Structures are given as C-alpha cells and as structure tokens.
mmCIF file of all heavy atoms, coordinates in Angstrom:
data_MODEL
# 
_entry.id   MODEL 
# 
loop_
_atom_site.group_PDB 
_atom_site.id 
_atom_site.type_symbol 
_atom_site.label_atom_id 
_atom_site.label_alt_id 
_atom_site.label_comp_id 
_atom_site.label_asym_id 
_atom_site.label_entity_id 
_atom_site.label_seq_id 
_atom_site.pdbx_PDB_ins_code 
_atom_site.Cartn_x 
_atom_site.Cartn_y 
_atom_site.Cartn_z 
_atom_site.occupancy 
_atom_site.B_iso_or_equiv 
_atom_site.pdbx_formal_charge 
_atom_site.auth_seq_id 
_atom_site.auth_comp_id 
_atom_site.auth_asym_id 
_atom_site.auth_atom_id 
_atom_site.pdbx_PDB_model_num 
ATOM 1   N N   . SER A 1 1  ? 118.020 103.550 36.350 1.00 0.00 ? 1  SER A N   1 
ATOM 2   C CA  . SER A 1 1  ? 118.301 104.268 35.159 1.00 0.00 ? 1  SER A CA  1 
ATOM 3   C C   . SER A 1 1  ? 119.369 105.337 35.377 1.00 0.00 ? 1  SER A C   1 
ATOM 4   O O   . SER A 1 1  ? 120.275 105.504 34.545 1.00 0.00 ? 1  SER A O   1 
ATOM 5   C CB  . SER A 1 1  ? 117.049 104.937 34.604 1.00 0.00 ? 1  SER A CB  1 
ATOM 6   O OG  . SER A 1 1  ? 116.552 105.853 35.611 1.00 0.00 ? 1  SER A OG  1 
ATOM 7   N N   . GLY A 1 2  ? 119.306 105.916 36.521 1.00 0.00 ? 2  GLY A N   1 
ATOM 8   C CA  . GLY A 1 2  ? 120.413 106.903 36.829 1.00 0.00 ? 2  GLY A CA  1 
ATOM 9   C C   . GLY A 1 2  ? 121.717 106.314 37.035 1.00 0.00 ? 2  GLY A C   1 
ATOM 10  O O   . GLY A 1 2  ? 122.761 106.774 36.528 1.00 0.00 ? 2  GLY A O   1 
ATOM 11  N N   . HIS A 1 3  ? 121.721 105.089 37.721 1.00 0.00 ? 3  HIS A N   1 
ATOM 12  C CA  . HIS A 1 3  ? 122.982 104.387 37.828 1.00 0.00 ? 3  HIS A CA  1 
ATOM 13  C C   . HIS A 1 3  ? 123.558 103.909 36.478 1.00 0.00 ? 3  HIS A C   1 
ATOM 14  O O   . HIS A 1 3  ? 124.757 103.892 36.224 1.00 0.00 ? 3  HIS A O   1 
ATOM 15  C CB  . HIS A 1 3  ? 122.860 103.197 38.775 1.00 0.00 ? 3  HIS A CB  1 
ATOM 16  C CG  . HIS A 1 3  ? 122.737 103.663 40.206 1.00 0.00 ? 3  HIS A CG  1 
ATOM 17  N ND1 . HIS A 1 3  ? 123.749 104.264 40.878 1.00 0.00 ? 3  HIS A ND1 1 
ATOM 18  C CD2 . HIS A 1 3  ? 121.714 103.514 41.078 1.00 0.00 ? 3  HIS A CD2 1 
ATOM 19  C CE1 . HIS A 1 3  ? 123.380 104.498 42.103 1.00 0.00 ? 3  HIS A CE1 1 
ATOM 20  N NE2 . HIS A 1 3  ? 122.138 104.073 42.278 1.00 0.00 ? 3  HIS A NE2 1 
ATOM 21  N N   . THR A 1 4  ? 122.563 103.499 35.638 1.00 0.00 ? 4  THR A N   1 
ATOM 22  C CA  . THR A 1 4  ? 123.042 102.948 34.317 1.00 0.00 ? 4  THR A CA  1 
ATOM 23  C C   . THR A 1 4  ? 123.681 104.069 33.469 1.00 0.00 ? 4  THR A C   1 
ATOM 24  O O   . THR A 1 4  ? 124.734 103.860 32.845 1.00 0.00 ? 4  THR A O   1 
ATOM 25  C CB  . THR A 1 4  ? 121.837 102.370 33.500 1.00 0.00 ? 4  THR A CB  1 
ATOM 26  O OG1 . THR A 1 4  ? 121.220 101.393 34.313 1.00 0.00 ? 4  THR A OG1 1 
ATOM 27  C CG2 . THR A 1 4  ? 122.276 101.777 32.193 1.00 0.00 ? 4  THR A CG2 1 
ATOM 28  N N   . SER A 1 5  ? 123.038 105.270 33.384 1.00 0.00 ? 5  SER A N   1 
ATOM 29  C CA  . SER A 1 5  ? 123.621 106.382 32.651 1.00 0.00 ? 5  SER A CA  1 
ATOM 30  C C   . SER A 1 5  ? 124.969 106.789 33.257 1.00 0.00 ? 5  SER A C   1 
ATOM 31  O O   . SER A 1 5  ? 125.866 107.101 32.547 1.00 0.00 ? 5  SER A O   1 
ATOM 32  C CB  . SER A 1 5  ? 122.658 107.604 32.695 1.00 0.00 ? 5  SER A CB  1 
ATOM 33  O OG  . SER A 1 5  ? 122.429 108.004 33.968 1.00 0.00 ? 5  SER A OG  1 
ATOM 34  N N   . HIS A 1 6  ? 125.078 106.686 34.642 1.00 0.00 ? 6  HIS A N   1 
ATOM 35  C CA  . HIS A 1 6  ? 126.360 107.061 35.239 1.00 0.00 ? 6  HIS A CA  1 
ATOM 36  C C   . HIS A 1 6  ? 127.450 106.053 34.852 1.00 0.00 ? 6  HIS A C   1 
ATOM 37  O O   . HIS A 1 6  ? 128.544 106.478 34.585 1.00 0.00 ? 6  HIS A O   1 
ATOM 38  C CB  . HIS A 1 6  ? 126.159 107.068 36.765 1.00 0.00 ? 6  HIS A CB  1 
ATOM 39  C CG  . HIS A 1 6  ? 127.367 107.522 37.517 1.00 0.00 ? 6  HIS A CG  1 
ATOM 40  N ND1 . HIS A 1 6  ? 127.945 108.743 37.411 1.00 0.00 ? 6  HIS A ND1 1 
ATOM 41  C CD2 . HIS A 1 6  ? 128.165 106.832 38.371 1.00 0.00 ? 6  HIS A CD2 1 
ATOM 42  C CE1 . HIS A 1 6  ? 128.982 108.846 38.175 1.00 0.00 ? 6  HIS A CE1 1 
ATOM 43  N NE2 . HIS A 1 6  ? 129.173 107.695 38.733 1.00 0.00 ? 6  HIS A NE2 1 
ATOM 44  N N   . ARG A 1 7  ? 127.023 104.778 34.791 1.00 0.00 ? 7  ARG A N   1 
ATOM 45  C CA  . ARG A 1 7  ? 127.975 103.780 34.427 1.00 0.00 ? 7  ARG A CA  1 
ATOM 46  C C   . ARG A 1 7  ? 128.444 103.936 32.948 1.00 0.00 ? 7  ARG A C   1 
ATOM 47  O O   . ARG A 1 7  ? 129.532 103.700 32.611 1.00 0.00 ? 7  ARG A O   1 
ATOM 48  C CB  . ARG A 1 7  ? 127.398 102.352 34.695 1.00 0.00 ? 7  ARG A CB  1 
ATOM 49  C CG  . ARG A 1 7  ? 127.403 101.983 36.108 1.00 0.00 ? 7  ARG A CG  1 
ATOM 50  C CD  . ARG A 1 7  ? 127.258 100.458 36.244 1.00 0.00 ? 7  ARG A CD  1 
ATOM 51  N NE  . ARG A 1 7  ? 125.923 100.009 35.650 1.00 0.00 ? 7  ARG A NE  1 
ATOM 52  C CZ  . ARG A 1 7  ? 124.820 99.922  36.329 1.00 0.00 ? 7  ARG A CZ  1 
ATOM 53  N NH1 . ARG A 1 7  ? 124.824 100.253 37.613 1.00 0.00 ? 7  ARG A NH1 1 
ATOM 54  N NH2 . ARG A 1 7  ? 123.712 99.503  35.798 1.00 0.00 ? 7  ARG A NH2 1 
ATOM 55  N N   . HIS A 1 8  ? 127.428 104.316 32.102 1.00 0.00 ? 8  HIS A N   1 
ATOM 56  C CA  . HIS A 1 8  ? 127.737 104.509 30.687 1.00 0.00 ? 8  HIS A CA  1 
ATOM 57  C C   . HIS A 1 8  ? 128.693 105.662 30.555 1.00 0.00 ? 8  HIS A C   1 
ATOM 58  O O   . HIS A 1 8  ? 129.687 105.594 29.708 1.00 0.00 ? 8  HIS A O   1 
ATOM 59  C CB  . HIS A 1 8  ? 126.507 104.776 29.864 1.00 0.00 ? 8  HIS A CB  1 
ATOM 60  C CG  . HIS A 1 8  ? 125.709 103.537 29.588 1.00 0.00 ? 8  HIS A CG  1 
ATOM 61  N ND1 . HIS A 1 8  ? 126.340 102.382 29.151 1.00 0.00 ? 8  HIS A ND1 1 
ATOM 62  C CD2 . HIS A 1 8  ? 124.372 103.262 29.607 1.00 0.00 ? 8  HIS A CD2 1 
ATOM 63  C CE1 . HIS A 1 8  ? 125.431 101.412 28.952 1.00 0.00 ? 8  HIS A CE1 1 
ATOM 64  N NE2 . HIS A 1 8  ? 124.267 102.008 29.295 1.00 0.00 ? 8  HIS A NE2 1 
ATOM 65  N N   . ASP A 1 9  ? 128.494 106.764 31.295 1.00 0.00 ? 9  ASP A N   1 
ATOM 66  C CA  . ASP A 1 9  ? 129.410 107.889 31.239 1.00 0.00 ? 9  ASP A CA  1 
ATOM 67  C C   . ASP A 1 9  ? 130.823 107.447 31.634 1.00 0.00 ? 9  ASP A C   1 
ATOM 68  O O   . ASP A 1 9  ? 131.821 107.876 31.080 1.00 0.00 ? 9  ASP A O   1 
ATOM 69  C CB  . ASP A 1 9  ? 128.908 109.017 32.157 1.00 0.00 ? 9  ASP A CB  1 
ATOM 70  C CG  . ASP A 1 9  ? 127.570 109.561 31.634 1.00 0.00 ? 9  ASP A CG  1 
ATOM 71  O OD1 . ASP A 1 9  ? 127.334 109.376 30.394 1.00 0.00 ? 9  ASP A OD1 1 
ATOM 72  O OD2 . ASP A 1 9  ? 126.914 110.256 32.420 1.00 0.00 ? 9  ASP A OD2 1 
ATOM 73  N N   . GLN A 1 10 ? 130.835 106.752 32.808 1.00 0.00 ? 10 GLN A N   1 
ATOM 74  C CA  . GLN A 1 10 ? 132.195 106.272 33.249 1.00 0.00 ? 10 GLN A CA  1 
ATOM 75  C C   . GLN A 1 10 ? 132.838 105.391 32.222 1.00 0.00 ? 10 GLN A C   1 
ATOM 76  O O   . GLN A 1 10 ? 134.038 105.449 32.022 1.00 0.00 ? 10 GLN A O   1 
ATOM 77  C CB  . GLN A 1 10 ? 132.057 105.554 34.597 1.00 0.00 ? 10 GLN A CB  1 
ATOM 78  C CG  . GLN A 1 10 ? 131.723 106.533 35.755 1.00 0.00 ? 10 GLN A CG  1 
ATOM 79  C CD  . GLN A 1 10 ? 131.699 105.810 37.056 1.00 0.00 ? 10 GLN A CD  1 
ATOM 80  O OE1 . GLN A 1 10 ? 131.582 104.559 37.135 1.00 0.00 ? 10 GLN A OE1 1 
ATOM 81  N NE2 . GLN A 1 10 ? 131.811 106.562 38.135 1.00 0.00 ? 10 GLN A NE2 1 
ATOM 82  N N   . HIS A 1 11 ? 132.018 104.475 31.645 1.00 0.00 ? 11 HIS A N   1 
ATOM 83  C CA  . HIS A 1 11 ? 132.561 103.547 30.625 1.00 0.00 ? 11 HIS A CA  1 
ATOM 84  C C   . HIS A 1 11 ? 133.082 104.247 29.433 1.00 0.00 ? 11 HIS A C   1 
ATOM 85  O O   . HIS A 1 11 ? 134.178 103.972 28.933 1.00 0.00 ? 11 HIS A O   1 
ATOM 86  C CB  . HIS A 1 11 ? 131.433 102.587 30.255 1.00 0.00 ? 11 HIS A CB  1 
ATOM 87  C CG  . HIS A 1 11 ? 131.924 101.352 29.410 1.00 0.00 ? 11 HIS A CG  1 
ATOM 88  N ND1 . HIS A 1 11 ? 132.872 100.524 29.877 1.00 0.00 ? 11 HIS A ND1 1 
ATOM 89  C CD2 . HIS A 1 11 ? 131.663 101.000 28.149 1.00 0.00 ? 11 HIS A CD2 1 
ATOM 90  C CE1 . HIS A 1 11 ? 133.143 99.577  28.974 1.00 0.00 ? 11 HIS A CE1 1 
ATOM 91  N NE2 . HIS A 1 11 ? 132.434 99.834  27.870 1.00 0.00 ? 11 HIS A NE2 1 
ATOM 92  N N   . GLY A 1 12 ? 132.359 105.284 28.979 1.00 0.00 ? 12 GLY A N   1 
ATOM 93  C CA  . GLY A 1 12 ? 132.793 106.083 27.838 1.00 0.00 ? 12 GLY A CA  1 
ATOM 94  C C   . GLY A 1 12 ? 134.104 106.851 28.171 1.00 0.00 ? 12 GLY A C   1 
ATOM 95  O O   . GLY A 1 12 ? 134.986 106.950 27.351 1.00 0.00 ? 12 GLY A O   1 
ATOM 96  N N   . ALA A 1 13 ? 134.147 107.375 29.404 1.00 0.00 ? 13 ALA A N   1 
ATOM 97  C CA  . ALA A 1 13 ? 135.265 108.121 29.777 1.00 0.00 ? 13 ALA A CA  1 
ATOM 98  C C   . ALA A 1 13 ? 136.521 107.216 29.886 1.00 0.00 ? 13 ALA A C   1 
ATOM 99  O O   . ALA A 1 13 ? 137.634 107.597 29.490 1.00 0.00 ? 13 ALA A O   1 
ATOM 100 C CB  . ALA A 1 13 ? 135.008 108.809 31.148 1.00 0.00 ? 13 ALA A CB  1 
ATOM 101 N N   . SER A 1 14 ? 136.272 105.991 30.396 1.00 0.00 ? 14 SER A N   1 
ATOM 102 C CA  . SER A 1 14 ? 137.411 105.077 30.458 1.00 0.00 ? 14 SER A CA  1 
ATOM 103 C C   . SER A 1 14 ? 137.910 104.712 29.113 1.00 0.00 ? 14 SER A C   1 
ATOM 104 O O   . SER A 1 14 ? 139.153 104.525 28.893 1.00 0.00 ? 14 SER A O   1 
ATOM 105 C CB  . SER A 1 14 ? 136.996 103.821 31.237 1.00 0.00 ? 14 SER A CB  1 
ATOM 106 O OG  . SER A 1 14 ? 135.982 103.145 30.518 1.00 0.00 ? 14 SER A OG  1 
ATOM 107 N N   . HIS A 1 15 ? 136.993 104.559 28.103 1.00 0.00 ? 15 HIS A N   1 
ATOM 108 C CA  . HIS A 1 15 ? 137.404 104.288 26.768 1.00 0.00 ? 15 HIS A CA  1 
ATOM 109 C C   . HIS A 1 15 ? 138.212 105.431 26.189 1.00 0.00 ? 15 HIS A C   1 
ATOM 110 O O   . HIS A 1 15 ? 139.241 105.236 25.505 1.00 0.00 ? 15 HIS A O   1 
ATOM 111 C CB  . HIS A 1 15 ? 136.224 104.027 25.838 1.00 0.00 ? 15 HIS A CB  1 
ATOM 112 C CG  . HIS A 1 15 ? 135.773 102.569 25.918 1.00 0.00 ? 15 HIS A CG  1 
ATOM 113 N ND1 . HIS A 1 15 ? 136.581 101.509 25.575 1.00 0.00 ? 15 HIS A ND1 1 
ATOM 114 C CD2 . HIS A 1 15 ? 134.560 102.044 26.320 1.00 0.00 ? 15 HIS A CD2 1 
ATOM 115 C CE1 . HIS A 1 15 ? 135.900 100.405 25.782 1.00 0.00 ? 15 HIS A CE1 1 
ATOM 116 N NE2 . HIS A 1 15 ? 134.697 100.634 26.242 1.00 0.00 ? 15 HIS A NE2 1 
ATOM 117 N N   . GLU A 1 16 ? 137.770 106.642 26.526 1.00 0.00 ? 16 GLU A N   1 
ATOM 118 C CA  . GLU A 1 16 ? 138.513 107.807 26.018 1.00 0.00 ? 16 GLU A CA  1 
ATOM 119 C C   . GLU A 1 16 ? 139.928 107.876 26.579 1.00 0.00 ? 16 GLU A C   1 
ATOM 120 O O   . GLU A 1 16 ? 140.906 108.188 25.900 1.00 0.00 ? 16 GLU A O   1 
ATOM 121 C CB  . GLU A 1 16 ? 137.751 109.099 26.312 1.00 0.00 ? 16 GLU A CB  1 
ATOM 122 C CG  . GLU A 1 16 ? 136.426 109.203 25.532 1.00 0.00 ? 16 GLU A CG  1 
ATOM 123 C CD  . GLU A 1 16 ? 135.679 110.452 25.936 1.00 0.00 ? 16 GLU A CD  1 
ATOM 124 O OE1 . GLU A 1 16 ? 136.222 111.170 26.791 1.00 0.00 ? 16 GLU A OE1 1 
ATOM 125 O OE2 . GLU A 1 16 ? 134.551 110.686 25.519 1.00 0.00 ? 16 GLU A OE2 1 
ATOM 126 N N   . VAL A 1 17 ? 140.030 107.566 27.879 1.00 0.00 ? 17 VAL A N   1 
ATOM 127 C CA  . VAL A 1 17 ? 141.345 107.612 28.482 1.00 0.00 ? 17 VAL A CA  1 
ATOM 128 C C   . VAL A 1 17 ? 142.241 106.433 28.078 1.00 0.00 ? 17 VAL A C   1 
ATOM 129 O O   . VAL A 1 17 ? 143.404 106.577 27.868 1.00 0.00 ? 17 VAL A O   1 
ATOM 130 C CB  . VAL A 1 17 ? 141.163 107.564 30.052 1.00 0.00 ? 17 VAL A CB  1 
ATOM 131 C CG1 . VAL A 1 17 ? 142.479 107.472 30.759 1.00 0.00 ? 17 VAL A CG1 1 
ATOM 132 C CG2 . VAL A 1 17 ? 140.435 108.808 30.451 1.00 0.00 ? 17 VAL A CG2 1 
ATOM 133 N N   . SER A 1 18 ? 141.582 105.271 27.875 1.00 0.00 ? 18 SER A N   1 
ATOM 134 C CA  . SER A 1 18 ? 142.420 104.107 27.547 1.00 0.00 ? 18 SER A CA  1 
ATOM 135 C C   . SER A 1 18 ? 142.935 104.055 26.130 1.00 0.00 ? 18 SER A C   1 
ATOM 136 O O   . SER A 1 18 ? 143.765 103.278 25.834 1.00 0.00 ? 18 SER A O   1 
ATOM 137 C CB  . SER A 1 18 ? 141.591 102.824 27.825 1.00 0.00 ? 18 SER A CB  1 
ATOM 138 O OG  . SER A 1 18 ? 140.430 102.800 26.959 1.00 0.00 ? 18 SER A OG  1 
ATOM 139 N N   . HIS A 1 19 ? 142.431 104.955 25.210 1.00 0.00 ? 19 HIS A N   1 
ATOM 140 C CA  . HIS A 1 19 ? 142.889 104.924 23.858 1.00 0.00 ? 19 HIS A CA  1 
ATOM 141 C C   . HIS A 1 19 ? 144.311 105.405 23.806 1.00 0.00 ? 19 HIS A C   1 
ATOM 142 O O   . HIS A 1 19 ? 144.676 106.456 24.348 1.00 0.00 ? 19 HIS A O   1 
ATOM 143 C CB  . HIS A 1 19 ? 142.054 105.884 23.017 1.00 0.00 ? 19 HIS A CB  1 
ATOM 144 C CG  . HIS A 1 19 ? 140.663 105.254 22.638 1.00 0.00 ? 19 HIS A CG  1 
ATOM 145 N ND1 . HIS A 1 19 ? 139.615 105.965 22.172 1.00 0.00 ? 19 HIS A ND1 1 
ATOM 146 C CD2 . HIS A 1 19 ? 140.257 103.999 22.732 1.00 0.00 ? 19 HIS A CD2 1 
ATOM 147 C CE1 . HIS A 1 19 ? 138.602 105.200 22.007 1.00 0.00 ? 19 HIS A CE1 1 
ATOM 148 N NE2 . HIS A 1 19 ? 138.963 103.933 22.331 1.00 0.00 ? 19 HIS A NE2 1 
ATOM 149 N N   . PRO A 1 20 ? 145.207 104.649 23.186 1.00 0.00 ? 20 PRO A N   1 
ATOM 150 C CA  . PRO A 1 20 ? 146.609 105.070 23.141 1.00 0.00 ? 20 PRO A CA  1 
ATOM 151 C C   . PRO A 1 20 ? 146.787 106.247 22.183 1.00 0.00 ? 20 PRO A C   1 
ATOM 152 O O   . PRO A 1 20 ? 145.984 106.437 21.259 1.00 0.00 ? 20 PRO A O   1 
ATOM 153 C CB  . PRO A 1 20 ? 147.317 103.847 22.556 1.00 0.00 ? 20 PRO A CB  1 
ATOM 154 C CG  . PRO A 1 20 ? 146.311 103.086 21.848 1.00 0.00 ? 20 PRO A CG  1 
ATOM 155 C CD  . PRO A 1 20 ? 144.977 103.298 22.541 1.00 0.00 ? 20 PRO A CD  1 
ATOM 156 N N   . PRO A 1 21 ? 147.736 107.111 22.458 1.00 0.00 ? 21 PRO A N   1 
ATOM 157 C CA  . PRO A 1 21 ? 147.939 108.311 21.559 1.00 0.00 ? 21 PRO A CA  1 
ATOM 158 C C   . PRO A 1 21 ? 148.311 107.859 20.195 1.00 0.00 ? 21 PRO A C   1 
ATOM 159 O O   . PRO A 1 21 ? 148.985 106.802 19.993 1.00 0.00 ? 21 PRO A O   1 
ATOM 160 C CB  . PRO A 1 21 ? 149.081 109.090 22.247 1.00 0.00 ? 21 PRO A CB  1 
ATOM 161 C CG  . PRO A 1 21 ? 149.798 108.049 23.076 1.00 0.00 ? 21 PRO A CG  1 
ATOM 162 C CD  . PRO A 1 21 ? 148.751 107.063 23.515 1.00 0.00 ? 21 PRO A CD  1 
ATOM 163 N N   . PRO A 1 22 ? 147.945 108.548 19.118 1.00 0.00 ? 22 PRO A N   1 
ATOM 164 C CA  . PRO A 1 22 ? 148.278 108.135 17.770 1.00 0.00 ? 22 PRO A CA  1 
ATOM 165 C C   . PRO A 1 22 ? 149.757 108.213 17.526 1.00 0.00 ? 22 PRO A C   1 
ATOM 166 O O   . PRO A 1 22 ? 150.490 109.079 18.070 1.00 0.00 ? 22 PRO A O   1 
ATOM 167 C CB  . PRO A 1 22 ? 147.568 109.210 16.907 1.00 0.00 ? 22 PRO A CB  1 
ATOM 168 C CG  . PRO A 1 22 ? 147.349 110.368 17.788 1.00 0.00 ? 22 PRO A CG  1 
ATOM 169 C CD  . PRO A 1 22 ? 147.187 109.807 19.147 1.00 0.00 ? 22 PRO A CD  1 
ATOM 170 N N   . PRO A 1 23 ? 150.327 107.260 16.789 1.00 0.00 ? 23 PRO A N   1 
ATOM 171 C CA  . PRO A 1 23 ? 151.769 107.283 16.560 1.00 0.00 ? 23 PRO A CA  1 
ATOM 172 C C   . PRO A 1 23 ? 152.207 108.518 15.765 1.00 0.00 ? 23 PRO A C   1 
ATOM 173 O O   . PRO A 1 23 ? 151.411 109.028 14.942 1.00 0.00 ? 23 PRO A O   1 
ATOM 174 C CB  . PRO A 1 23 ? 152.000 105.997 15.757 1.00 0.00 ? 23 PRO A CB  1 
ATOM 175 C CG  . PRO A 1 23 ? 150.682 105.706 15.125 1.00 0.00 ? 23 PRO A CG  1 
ATOM 176 C CD  . PRO A 1 23 ? 149.668 106.207 16.101 1.00 0.00 ? 23 PRO A CD  1 
ATOM 177 N N   . PRO A 1 24 ? 153.401 108.971 15.929 1.00 0.00 ? 24 PRO A N   1 
ATOM 178 C CA  . PRO A 1 24 ? 153.897 110.117 15.179 1.00 0.00 ? 24 PRO A CA  1 
ATOM 179 C C   . PRO A 1 24 ? 154.012 109.701 13.715 1.00 0.00 ? 24 PRO A C   1 
ATOM 180 O O   . PRO A 1 24 ? 154.261 108.588 13.337 1.00 0.00 ? 24 PRO A O   1 
ATOM 181 C CB  . PRO A 1 24 ? 155.289 110.393 15.810 1.00 0.00 ? 24 PRO A CB  1 
ATOM 182 C CG  . PRO A 1 24 ? 155.687 109.100 16.406 1.00 0.00 ? 24 PRO A CG  1 
ATOM 183 C CD  . PRO A 1 24 ? 154.420 108.414 16.862 1.00 0.00 ? 24 PRO A CD  1 
ATOM 184 N N   . PRO A 1 25 ? 153.826 110.732 12.820 1.00 0.00 ? 25 PRO A N   1 
ATOM 185 C CA  . PRO A 1 25 ? 153.911 110.406 11.396 1.00 0.00 ? 25 PRO A CA  1 
ATOM 186 C C   . PRO A 1 25 ? 155.314 109.986 11.010 1.00 0.00 ? 25 PRO A C   1 
ATOM 187 O O   . PRO A 1 25 ? 156.322 110.429 11.604 1.00 0.00 ? 25 PRO A O   1 
ATOM 188 C CB  . PRO A 1 25 ? 153.546 111.705 10.759 1.00 0.00 ? 25 PRO A CB  1 
ATOM 189 C CG  . PRO A 1 25 ? 153.755 112.768 11.776 1.00 0.00 ? 25 PRO A CG  1 
ATOM 190 C CD  . PRO A 1 25 ? 153.481 112.111 13.087 1.00 0.00 ? 25 PRO A CD  1 
ATOM 191 N N   . ALA A 1 26 ? 155.396 109.092 10.038 1.00 0.00 ? 26 ALA A N   1 
ATOM 192 C CA  . ALA A 1 26 ? 156.722 108.610 9.636  1.00 0.00 ? 26 ALA A CA  1 
ATOM 193 C C   . ALA A 1 26 ? 157.517 109.684 8.838  1.00 0.00 ? 26 ALA A C   1 
ATOM 194 O O   . ALA A 1 26 ? 156.928 110.444 8.122  1.00 0.00 ? 26 ALA A O   1 
ATOM 195 C CB  . ALA A 1 26 ? 156.487 107.388 8.659  1.00 0.00 ? 26 ALA A CB  1 
ATOM 196 N N   . LYS A 1 27 ? 158.818 109.652 9.103  1.00 0.00 ? 27 LYS A N   1 
ATOM 197 C CA  . LYS A 1 27 ? 159.668 110.631 8.448  1.00 0.00 ? 27 LYS A CA  1 
ATOM 198 C C   . LYS A 1 27 ? 159.937 110.303 7.061  1.00 0.00 ? 27 LYS A C   1 
ATOM 199 O O   . LYS A 1 27 ? 160.037 109.087 6.647  1.00 0.00 ? 27 LYS A O   1 
ATOM 200 C CB  . LYS A 1 27 ? 160.969 110.785 9.233  1.00 0.00 ? 27 LYS A CB  1 
ATOM 201 C CG  . LYS A 1 27 ? 160.819 111.381 10.640 1.00 0.00 ? 27 LYS A CG  1 
ATOM 202 C CD  . LYS A 1 27 ? 162.123 111.535 11.291 1.00 0.00 ? 27 LYS A CD  1 
ATOM 203 C CE  . LYS A 1 27 ? 161.980 112.125 12.672 1.00 0.00 ? 27 LYS A CE  1 
ATOM 204 N NZ  . LYS A 1 27 ? 163.292 112.325 13.356 1.00 0.00 ? 27 LYS A NZ  1 
# 
C-alpha cells in the first residue's frame, strides 16, 4: 500500500510535469 501510494504520487507528478504549457493567446 505504501509503495502504491508512492507510485501514484510519482505518476501524478509526472503527469503534471509532462503537460505542455498552454499556447499563447492569439493576437
């Protein structure tokens, strides 16, 4: 259970990092 929660945290963090930045608004 401890390892699972740790993996979930890492998985969520990786998703947060892997999200590309939003494109700039169109002029």
